[in-house]
Amino acid sequence: LSGDGIRTRGGRGERIVDDSFLLLLHTGPDPA
């Protein structure tokens, strides 16, 4: 998720910029 790619504007129409995050999902029964 890119914090530079937020297209929603703030209450005064200002650009919103945030940190970027990487979410990892592992459903397997063994380490990966």
Full PDB file with SEQRES, HELIX, SHEET, SSBOND, CRYST1, ORIGX, SCALE, CONECT and MASTER records, all heavy atoms in Angstrom:
SEQRES   1 A   32  LEU SER GLY ASP GLY ILE ARG THR ARG GLY GLY ARG GLY          
SEQRES   2 A   32  GLU ARG ILE VAL ASP ASP SER PHE LEU LEU LEU LEU HIS          
SEQRES   3 A   32  THR GLY PRO ASP PRO ALA                                      
CRYST1    1.000    1.000    1.000  90.00  90.00  90.00 P 1           1          
ORIGX1      1.000000  0.000000  0.000000        0.00000                         
ORIGX2      0.000000  1.000000  0.000000        0.00000                         
ORIGX3      0.000000  0.000000  1.000000        0.00000                         
SCALE1      1.000000  0.000000  0.000000        0.00000                         
SCALE2      0.000000  1.000000  0.000000        0.00000                         
SCALE3      0.000000  0.000000  1.000000        0.00000                         
ATOM      1  N   LEU A   1       0.861  -1.192   0.000  1.00  0.00           N  
ATOM      2  CA  LEU A   1       0.000   0.000   0.000  1.00  0.00           C  
ATOM      3  C   LEU A   1       0.893   1.236   0.000  1.00  0.00           C  
ATOM      4  O   LEU A   1       1.672   1.440   0.936  1.00  0.00           O  
ATOM      5  CB  LEU A   1      -0.900   0.023   1.232  1.00  0.00           C  
ATOM      6  CG  LEU A   1      -2.061  -0.971   1.267  1.00  0.00           C  
ATOM      7  CD1 LEU A   1      -2.674  -0.987   2.656  1.00  0.00           C  
ATOM      8  CD2 LEU A   1      -3.115  -0.594   0.242  1.00  0.00           C  
ATOM      9  N   SER A   2       0.775   2.057  -1.039  1.00  0.00           N  
ATOM     10  CA  SER A   2       1.614   3.244  -1.150  1.00  0.00           C  
ATOM     11  C   SER A   2       0.958   4.438  -0.463  1.00  0.00           C  
ATOM     12  O   SER A   2      -0.166   4.830  -0.800  1.00  0.00           O  
ATOM     13  CB  SER A   2       1.862   3.574  -2.626  1.00  0.00           C  
ATOM     14  OG  SER A   2       2.522   4.825  -2.750  1.00  0.00           O  
ATOM     15  N   GLY A   3       1.681   5.028   0.468  1.00  0.00           N  
ATOM     16  CA  GLY A   3       1.181   6.235   1.131  1.00  0.00           C  
ATOM     17  C   GLY A   3       1.195   7.452   0.236  1.00  0.00           C  
ATOM     18  O   GLY A   3       0.569   8.472   0.546  1.00  0.00           O  
ATOM     19  N   ASP A   4       1.895   7.368  -0.904  1.00  0.00           N  
ATOM     20  CA  ASP A   4       1.918   8.459  -1.871  1.00  0.00           C  
ATOM     21  C   ASP A   4       0.783   8.341  -2.879  1.00  0.00           C  
ATOM     22  O   ASP A   4       0.609   9.247  -3.710  1.00  0.00           O  
ATOM     23  CB  ASP A   4       3.251   8.480  -2.631  1.00  0.00           C  
ATOM     24  CG  ASP A   4       4.420   8.829  -1.729  1.00  0.00           C  
ATOM     25  OD1 ASP A   4       4.231   9.659  -0.819  1.00  0.00           O  
ATOM     26  OD2 ASP A   4       5.515   8.261  -1.930  1.00  0.00           O  
ATOM     27  N   GLY A   5       0.044   7.240  -2.839  1.00  0.00           N  
ATOM     28  CA  GLY A   5      -0.986   7.007  -3.836  1.00  0.00           C  
ATOM     29  C   GLY A   5      -2.400   7.231  -3.343  1.00  0.00           C  
ATOM     30  O   GLY A   5      -3.361   6.791  -3.981  1.00  0.00           O  
ATOM     31  N   ILE A   6      -2.555   7.923  -2.213  1.00  0.00           N  
ATOM     32  CA  ILE A   6      -3.891   8.180  -1.668  1.00  0.00           C  
ATOM     33  C   ILE A   6      -4.583   9.246  -2.501  1.00  0.00           C  
ATOM     34  O   ILE A   6      -4.092  10.368  -2.633  1.00  0.00           O  
ATOM     35  CB  ILE A   6      -3.807   8.620  -0.195  1.00  0.00           C  
ATOM     36  CG1 ILE A   6      -3.120   7.530   0.637  1.00  0.00           C  
ATOM     37  CG2 ILE A   6      -5.193   8.918   0.366  1.00  0.00           C  
ATOM     38  CD1 ILE A   6      -2.868   7.927   2.079  1.00  0.00           C  
ATOM     39  N   ARG A   7      -5.741   8.914  -3.080  1.00  0.00           N  
ATOM     40  CA  ARG A   7      -6.445   9.860  -3.941  1.00  0.00           C  
ATOM     41  C   ARG A   7      -7.531  10.630  -3.211  1.00  0.00           C  
ATOM     42  O   ARG A   7      -8.097  11.578  -3.743  1.00  0.00           O  
ATOM     43  CB  ARG A   7      -7.035   9.119  -5.148  1.00  0.00           C  
ATOM     44  CG  ARG A   7      -5.938   8.592  -6.085  1.00  0.00           C  
ATOM     45  CD  ARG A   7      -6.513   8.003  -7.353  1.00  0.00           C  
ATOM     46  NE  ARG A   7      -7.269   6.796  -7.097  1.00  0.00           N  
ATOM     47  CZ  ARG A   7      -8.541   6.609  -7.424  1.00  0.00           C  
ATOM     48  NH1 ARG A   7      -9.212   7.573  -8.007  1.00  0.00           N  
ATOM     49  NH2 ARG A   7      -9.137   5.466  -7.174  1.00  0.00           N  
ATOM     50  N   THR A   8      -7.846  10.233  -1.995  1.00  0.00           N  
ATOM     51  CA  THR A   8      -8.813  10.970  -1.186  1.00  0.00           C  
ATOM     52  C   THR A   8      -8.172  12.263  -0.679  1.00  0.00           C  
ATOM     53  O   THR A   8      -7.005  12.269  -0.293  1.00  0.00           O  
ATOM     54  CB  THR A   8      -9.273  10.128   0.011  1.00  0.00           C  
ATOM     55  OG1 THR A   8      -9.774   8.877  -0.455  1.00  0.00           O  
ATOM     56  CG2 THR A   8     -10.363  10.851   0.797  1.00  0.00           C  
ATOM     57  N   ARG A   9      -8.931  13.347  -0.687  1.00  0.00           N  
ATOM     58  CA  ARG A   9      -8.431  14.641  -0.206  1.00  0.00           C  
ATOM     59  C   ARG A   9      -8.884  14.903   1.222  1.00  0.00           C  
ATOM     60  O   ARG A   9      -9.866  14.328   1.703  1.00  0.00           O  
ATOM     61  CB  ARG A   9      -8.936  15.760  -1.120  1.00  0.00           C  
ATOM     62  CG  ARG A   9      -8.367  15.684  -2.534  1.00  0.00           C  
ATOM     63  CD  ARG A   9      -6.952  16.210  -2.585  1.00  0.00           C  
ATOM     64  NE  ARG A   9      -6.332  16.090  -3.907  1.00  0.00           N  
ATOM     65  CZ  ARG A   9      -5.223  16.695  -4.254  1.00  0.00           C  
ATOM     66  NH1 ARG A   9      -4.599  17.482  -3.390  1.00  0.00           N  
ATOM     67  NH2 ARG A   9      -4.710  16.513  -5.462  1.00  0.00           N  
ATOM     68  N   GLY A  10      -8.162  15.774   1.899  1.00  0.00           N  
ATOM     69  CA  GLY A  10      -8.512  16.146   3.254  1.00  0.00           C  
ATOM     70  C   GLY A  10      -9.693  17.093   3.292  1.00  0.00           C  
ATOM     71  O   GLY A  10     -10.267  17.463   2.264  1.00  0.00           O  
ATOM     72  N   GLY A  11     -10.066  17.514   4.501  1.00  0.00           N  
ATOM     73  CA  GLY A  11     -11.233  18.363   4.691  1.00  0.00           C  
ATOM     74  C   GLY A  11     -11.139  19.701   3.988  1.00  0.00           C  
ATOM     75  O   GLY A  11     -12.162  20.309   3.656  1.00  0.00           O  
ATOM     76  N   ARG A  12      -9.956  20.192   3.726  1.00  0.00           N  
ATOM     77  CA  ARG A  12      -9.747  21.461   3.026  1.00  0.00           C  
ATOM     78  C   ARG A  12      -9.235  21.254   1.606  1.00  0.00           C  
ATOM     79  O   ARG A  12      -8.714  22.180   0.994  1.00  0.00           O  
ATOM     80  CB  ARG A  12      -8.785  22.347   3.817  1.00  0.00           C  
ATOM     81  CG  ARG A  12      -9.315  22.754   5.185  1.00  0.00           C  
ATOM     82  CD  ARG A  12      -8.325  23.645   5.910  1.00  0.00           C  
ATOM     83  NE  ARG A  12      -8.820  24.062   7.203  1.00  0.00           N  
ATOM     84  CZ  ARG A  12      -9.598  25.127   7.408  1.00  0.00           C  
ATOM     85  NH1 ARG A  12      -9.955  25.878   6.375  1.00  0.00           N  
ATOM     86  NH2 ARG A  12     -10.011  25.436   8.617  1.00  0.00           N  
ATOM     87  N   GLY A  13      -9.383  20.035   1.130  1.00  0.00           N  
ATOM     88  CA  GLY A  13      -8.952  19.739  -0.232  1.00  0.00           C  
ATOM     89  C   GLY A  13      -7.475  19.463  -0.358  1.00  0.00           C  
ATOM     90  O   GLY A  13      -6.953  19.331  -1.469  1.00  0.00           O  
ATOM     91  N   GLU A  14      -6.775  19.366   0.784  1.00  0.00           N  
ATOM     92  CA  GLU A  14      -5.336  19.148   0.733  1.00  0.00           C  
ATOM     93  C   GLU A  14      -5.018  17.679   0.416  1.00  0.00           C  
ATOM     94  O   GLU A  14      -5.814  16.784   0.698  1.00  0.00           O  
ATOM     95  CB  GLU A  14      -4.680  19.538   2.055  1.00  0.00           C  
ATOM     96  CG  GLU A  14      -4.962  18.597   3.225  1.00  0.00           C  
ATOM     97  CD  GLU A  14      -6.264  18.874   3.943  1.00  0.00           C  
ATOM     98  OE1 GLU A  14      -7.088  19.634   3.403  1.00  0.00           O  
ATOM     99  OE2 GLU A  14      -6.447  18.319   5.046  1.00  0.00           O  
ATOM    100  N   ARG A  15      -3.876  17.473  -0.178  1.00  0.00           N  
ATOM    101  CA  ARG A  15      -3.422  16.120  -0.501  1.00  0.00           C  
ATOM    102  C   ARG A  15      -3.025  15.400   0.778  1.00  0.00           C  
ATOM    103  O   ARG A  15      -2.412  15.984   1.674  1.00  0.00           O  
ATOM    104  CB  ARG A  15      -2.244  16.173  -1.467  1.00  0.00           C  
ATOM    105  CG  ARG A  15      -1.736  14.815  -1.899  1.00  0.00           C  
ATOM    106  CD  ARG A  15      -0.785  14.932  -3.078  1.00  0.00           C  
ATOM    107  NE  ARG A  15      -0.271  13.612  -3.445  1.00  0.00           N  
ATOM    108  CZ  ARG A  15       0.973  13.202  -3.244  1.00  0.00           C  
ATOM    109  NH1 ARG A  15       1.846  14.039  -2.690  1.00  0.00           N  
ATOM    110  NH2 ARG A  15       1.367  11.998  -3.605  1.00  0.00           N  
ATOM    111  N   ILE A  16      -3.371  14.133   0.869  1.00  0.00           N  
ATOM    112  CA  ILE A  16      -3.032  13.309   2.028  1.00  0.00           C  
ATOM    113  C   ILE A  16      -1.882  12.380   1.644  1.00  0.00           C  
ATOM    114  O   ILE A  16      -1.959  11.653   0.655  1.00  0.00           O  
ATOM    115  CB  ILE A  16      -4.240  12.490   2.499  1.00  0.00           C  
ATOM    116  CG1 ILE A  16      -5.387  13.417   2.910  1.00  0.00           C  
ATOM    117  CG2 ILE A  16      -3.849  11.580   3.656  1.00  0.00           C  
ATOM    118  CD1 ILE A  16      -6.662  12.686   3.278  1.00  0.00           C  
ATOM    119  N   VAL A  17      -0.824  12.417   2.419  1.00  0.00           N  
ATOM    120  CA  VAL A  17       0.331  11.554   2.197  1.00  0.00           C  
ATOM    121  C   VAL A  17       0.615  10.798   3.485  1.00  0.00           C  
ATOM    122  O   VAL A  17       0.552  11.359   4.583  1.00  0.00           O  
ATOM    123  CB  VAL A  17       1.577  12.367   1.779  1.00  0.00           C  
ATOM    124  CG1 VAL A  17       2.769  11.437   1.591  1.00  0.00           C  
ATOM    125  CG2 VAL A  17       1.300  13.141   0.498  1.00  0.00           C  
ATOM    126  N   ASP A  18       0.931   9.521   3.364  1.00  0.00           N  
ATOM    127  CA  ASP A  18       1.139   8.684   4.542  1.00  0.00           C  
ATOM    128  C   ASP A  18       2.353   7.788   4.313  1.00  0.00           C  
ATOM    129  O   ASP A  18       2.967   7.804   3.237  1.00  0.00           O  
ATOM    130  CB  ASP A  18      -0.115   7.837   4.797  1.00  0.00           C  
ATOM    131  CG  ASP A  18      -0.123   7.179   6.166  1.00  0.00           C  
ATOM    132  OD1 ASP A  18       0.725   7.537   7.018  1.00  0.00           O  
ATOM    133  OD2 ASP A  18      -0.969   6.297   6.393  1.00  0.00           O  
ATOM    134  N   ASP A  19       2.707   7.002   5.314  1.00  0.00           N  
ATOM    135  CA  ASP A  19       3.720   5.979   5.148  1.00  0.00           C  
ATOM    136  C   ASP A  19       3.199   4.901   4.199  1.00  0.00           C  
ATOM    137  O   ASP A  19       1.989   4.771   3.992  1.00  0.00           O  
ATOM    138  CB  ASP A  19       4.065   5.332   6.495  1.00  0.00           C  
ATOM    139  CG  ASP A  19       4.758   6.288   7.440  1.00  0.00           C  
ATOM    140  OD1 ASP A  19       5.452   7.202   6.953  1.00  0.00           O  
ATOM    141  OD2 ASP A  19       4.615   6.113   8.662  1.00  0.00           O  
ATOM    142  N   SER A  20       4.111   4.130   3.643  1.00  0.00           N  
ATOM    143  CA  SER A  20       3.748   2.977   2.825  1.00  0.00           C  
ATOM    144  C   SER A  20       3.966   1.712   3.647  1.00  0.00           C  
ATOM    145  O   SER A  20       4.849   1.652   4.513  1.00  0.00           O  
ATOM    146  CB  SER A  20       4.593   2.927   1.547  1.00  0.00           C  
ATOM    147  OG  SER A  20       4.350   4.056   0.738  1.00  0.00           O  
ATOM    148  N   PHE A  21       3.164   0.682   3.366  1.00  0.00           N  
ATOM    149  CA  PHE A  21       3.223  -0.554   4.144  1.00  0.00           C  
ATOM    150  C   PHE A  21       3.198  -1.772   3.234  1.00  0.00           C  
ATOM    151  O   PHE A  21       2.615  -1.739   2.142  1.00  0.00           O  
ATOM    152  CB  PHE A  21       2.042  -0.631   5.115  1.00  0.00           C  
ATOM    153  CG  PHE A  21       2.098   0.353   6.243  1.00  0.00           C  
ATOM    154  CD1 PHE A  21       1.561   1.628   6.094  1.00  0.00           C  
ATOM    155  CD2 PHE A  21       2.685   0.019   7.455  1.00  0.00           C  
ATOM    156  CE1 PHE A  21       1.609   2.546   7.129  1.00  0.00           C  
ATOM    157  CE2 PHE A  21       2.732   0.934   8.491  1.00  0.00           C  
ATOM    158  CZ  PHE A  21       2.193   2.200   8.334  1.00  0.00           C  
ATOM    159  N   LEU A  22       3.814  -2.843   3.707  1.00  0.00           N  
ATOM    160  CA  LEU A  22       3.778  -4.139   3.042  1.00  0.00           C  
ATOM    161  C   LEU A  22       3.121  -5.127   3.991  1.00  0.00           C  
ATOM    162  O   LEU A  22       3.608  -5.346   5.108  1.00  0.00           O  
ATOM    163  CB  LEU A  22       5.195  -4.596   2.678  1.00  0.00           C  
ATOM    164  CG  LEU A  22       5.311  -5.976   2.027  1.00  0.00           C  
ATOM    165  CD1 LEU A  22       4.650  -5.985   0.650  1.00  0.00           C  
ATOM    166  CD2 LEU A  22       6.774  -6.406   1.927  1.00  0.00           C  
ATOM    167  N   LEU A  23       2.024  -5.726   3.555  1.00  0.00           N  
ATOM    168  CA  LEU A  23       1.286  -6.695   4.356  1.00  0.00           C  
ATOM    169  C   LEU A  23       1.538  -8.084   3.782  1.00  0.00           C  
ATOM    170  O   LEU A  23       1.284  -8.330   2.594  1.00  0.00           O  
ATOM    171  CB  LEU A  23      -0.205  -6.371   4.328  1.00  0.00           C  
ATOM    172  CG  LEU A  23      -1.135  -7.309   5.100  1.00  0.00           C  
ATOM    173  CD1 LEU A  23      -0.872  -7.201   6.596  1.00  0.00           C  
ATOM    174  CD2 LEU A  23      -2.591  -6.977   4.794  1.00  0.00           C  
ATOM    175  N   LEU A  24       2.036  -8.990   4.605  1.00  0.00           N  
ATOM    176  CA  LEU A  24       2.338 -10.352   4.172  1.00  0.00           C  
ATOM    177  C   LEU A  24       1.347 -11.320   4.809  1.00  0.00           C  
ATOM    178  O   LEU A  24       1.133 -11.291   6.032  1.00  0.00           O  
ATOM    179  CB  LEU A  24       3.763 -10.739   4.568  1.00  0.00           C  
ATOM    180  CG  LEU A  24       4.882  -9.797   4.103  1.00  0.00           C  
ATOM    181  CD1 LEU A  24       6.230 -10.327   4.571  1.00  0.00           C  
ATOM    182  CD2 LEU A  24       4.853  -9.620   2.597  1.00  0.00           C  
ATOM    183  N   LEU A  25       0.755 -12.169   3.990  1.00  0.00           N  
ATOM    184  CA  LEU A  25      -0.209 -13.154   4.449  1.00  0.00           C  
ATOM    185  C   LEU A  25       0.313 -14.544   4.108  1.00  0.00           C  
ATOM    186  O   LEU A  25       0.616 -14.829   2.942  1.00  0.00           O  
ATOM    187  CB  LEU A  25      -1.567 -12.938   3.771  1.00  0.00           C  
ATOM    188  CG  LEU A  25      -2.213 -11.560   3.961  1.00  0.00           C  
ATOM    189  CD1 LEU A  25      -3.344 -11.364   2.972  1.00  0.00           C  
ATOM    190  CD2 LEU A  25      -2.722 -11.423   5.383  1.00  0.00           C  
ATOM    191  N   HIS A  26       0.409 -15.397   5.112  1.00  0.00           N  
ATOM    192  CA  HIS A  26       0.893 -16.767   4.891  1.00  0.00           C  
ATOM    193  C   HIS A  26      -0.085 -17.747   5.532  1.00  0.00           C  
ATOM    194  O   HIS A  26      -0.225 -17.781   6.761  1.00  0.00           O  
ATOM    195  CB  HIS A  26       2.289 -16.944   5.488  1.00  0.00           C  
ATOM    196  CG  HIS A  26       2.820 -18.329   5.369  1.00  0.00           C  
ATOM    197  ND1 HIS A  26       2.771 -19.056   4.194  1.00  0.00           N  
ATOM    198  CD2 HIS A  26       3.403 -19.155   6.292  1.00  0.00           C  
ATOM    199  CE1 HIS A  26       3.293 -20.260   4.392  1.00  0.00           C  
ATOM    200  NE2 HIS A  26       3.688 -20.335   5.651  1.00  0.00           N  
ATOM    201  N   THR A  27      -0.760 -18.533   4.713  1.00  0.00           N  
ATOM    202  CA  THR A  27      -1.758 -19.486   5.215  1.00  0.00           C  
ATOM    203  C   THR A  27      -1.255 -20.924   5.214  1.00  0.00           C  
ATOM    204  O   THR A  27      -1.994 -21.825   5.606  1.00  0.00           O  
ATOM    205  CB  THR A  27      -3.037 -19.418   4.359  1.00  0.00           C  
ATOM    206  OG1 THR A  27      -2.746 -19.877   3.027  1.00  0.00           O  
ATOM    207  CG2 THR A  27      -3.575 -18.000   4.301  1.00  0.00           C  
ATOM    208  N   GLY A  28      -0.029 -21.159   4.766  1.00  0.00           N  
ATOM    209  CA  GLY A  28       0.489 -22.518   4.685  1.00  0.00           C  
ATOM    210  C   GLY A  28       0.784 -23.117   6.046  1.00  0.00           C  
ATOM    211  O   GLY A  28       0.973 -22.410   7.035  1.00  0.00           O  
ATOM    212  N   PRO A  29       0.860 -24.461   6.119  1.00  0.00           N  
ATOM    213  CA  PRO A  29       1.124 -25.146   7.391  1.00  0.00           C  
ATOM    214  C   PRO A  29       2.606 -25.206   7.758  1.00  0.00           C  
ATOM    215  O   PRO A  29       2.941 -25.661   8.855  1.00  0.00           O  
ATOM    216  CB  PRO A  29       0.569 -26.550   7.142  1.00  0.00           C  
ATOM    217  CG  PRO A  29       0.775 -26.767   5.683  1.00  0.00           C  
ATOM    218  CD  PRO A  29       0.563 -25.420   5.035  1.00  0.00           C  
ATOM    219  N   ASP A  30       3.483 -24.763   6.863  1.00  0.00           N  
ATOM    220  CA  ASP A  30       4.929 -24.803   7.098  1.00  0.00           C  
ATOM    221  C   ASP A  30       5.506 -23.395   6.995  1.00  0.00           C  
ATOM    222  O   ASP A  30       4.927 -22.520   6.344  1.00  0.00           O  
ATOM    223  CB  ASP A  30       5.608 -25.712   6.076  1.00  0.00           C  
ATOM    224  CG  ASP A  30       5.081 -27.136   6.118  1.00  0.00           C  
ATOM    225  OD1 ASP A  30       5.062 -27.717   7.217  1.00  0.00           O  
ATOM    226  OD2 ASP A  30       4.687 -27.649   5.057  1.00  0.00           O  
ATOM    227  N   PRO A  31       6.669 -23.167   7.608  1.00  0.00           N  
ATOM    228  CA  PRO A  31       7.319 -21.854   7.467  1.00  0.00           C  
ATOM    229  C   PRO A  31       7.622 -21.565   5.996  1.00  0.00           C  
ATOM    230  O   PRO A  31       7.811 -22.478   5.191  1.00  0.00           O  
ATOM    231  CB  PRO A  31       8.610 -22.007   8.278  1.00  0.00           C  
ATOM    232  CG  PRO A  31       8.331 -23.122   9.238  1.00  0.00           C  
ATOM    233  CD  PRO A  31       7.424 -24.061   8.513  1.00  0.00           C  
ATOM    234  N   ALA A  32       7.654 -20.285   5.654  1.00  0.00           N  
ATOM    235  CA  ALA A  32       7.915 -19.884   4.271  1.00  0.00           C  
ATOM    236  C   ALA A  32       8.763 -18.610   4.266  1.00  0.00           C  
ATOM    237  O   ALA A  32       8.591 -17.745   5.128  1.00  0.00           O  
ATOM    238  CB  ALA A  32       6.614 -19.654   3.513  1.00  0.00           C  
TER     239      ALA A  32                                                      
MASTER        0    0    0    0    0    0    0    6  238    1    0    3          
END                                                                             
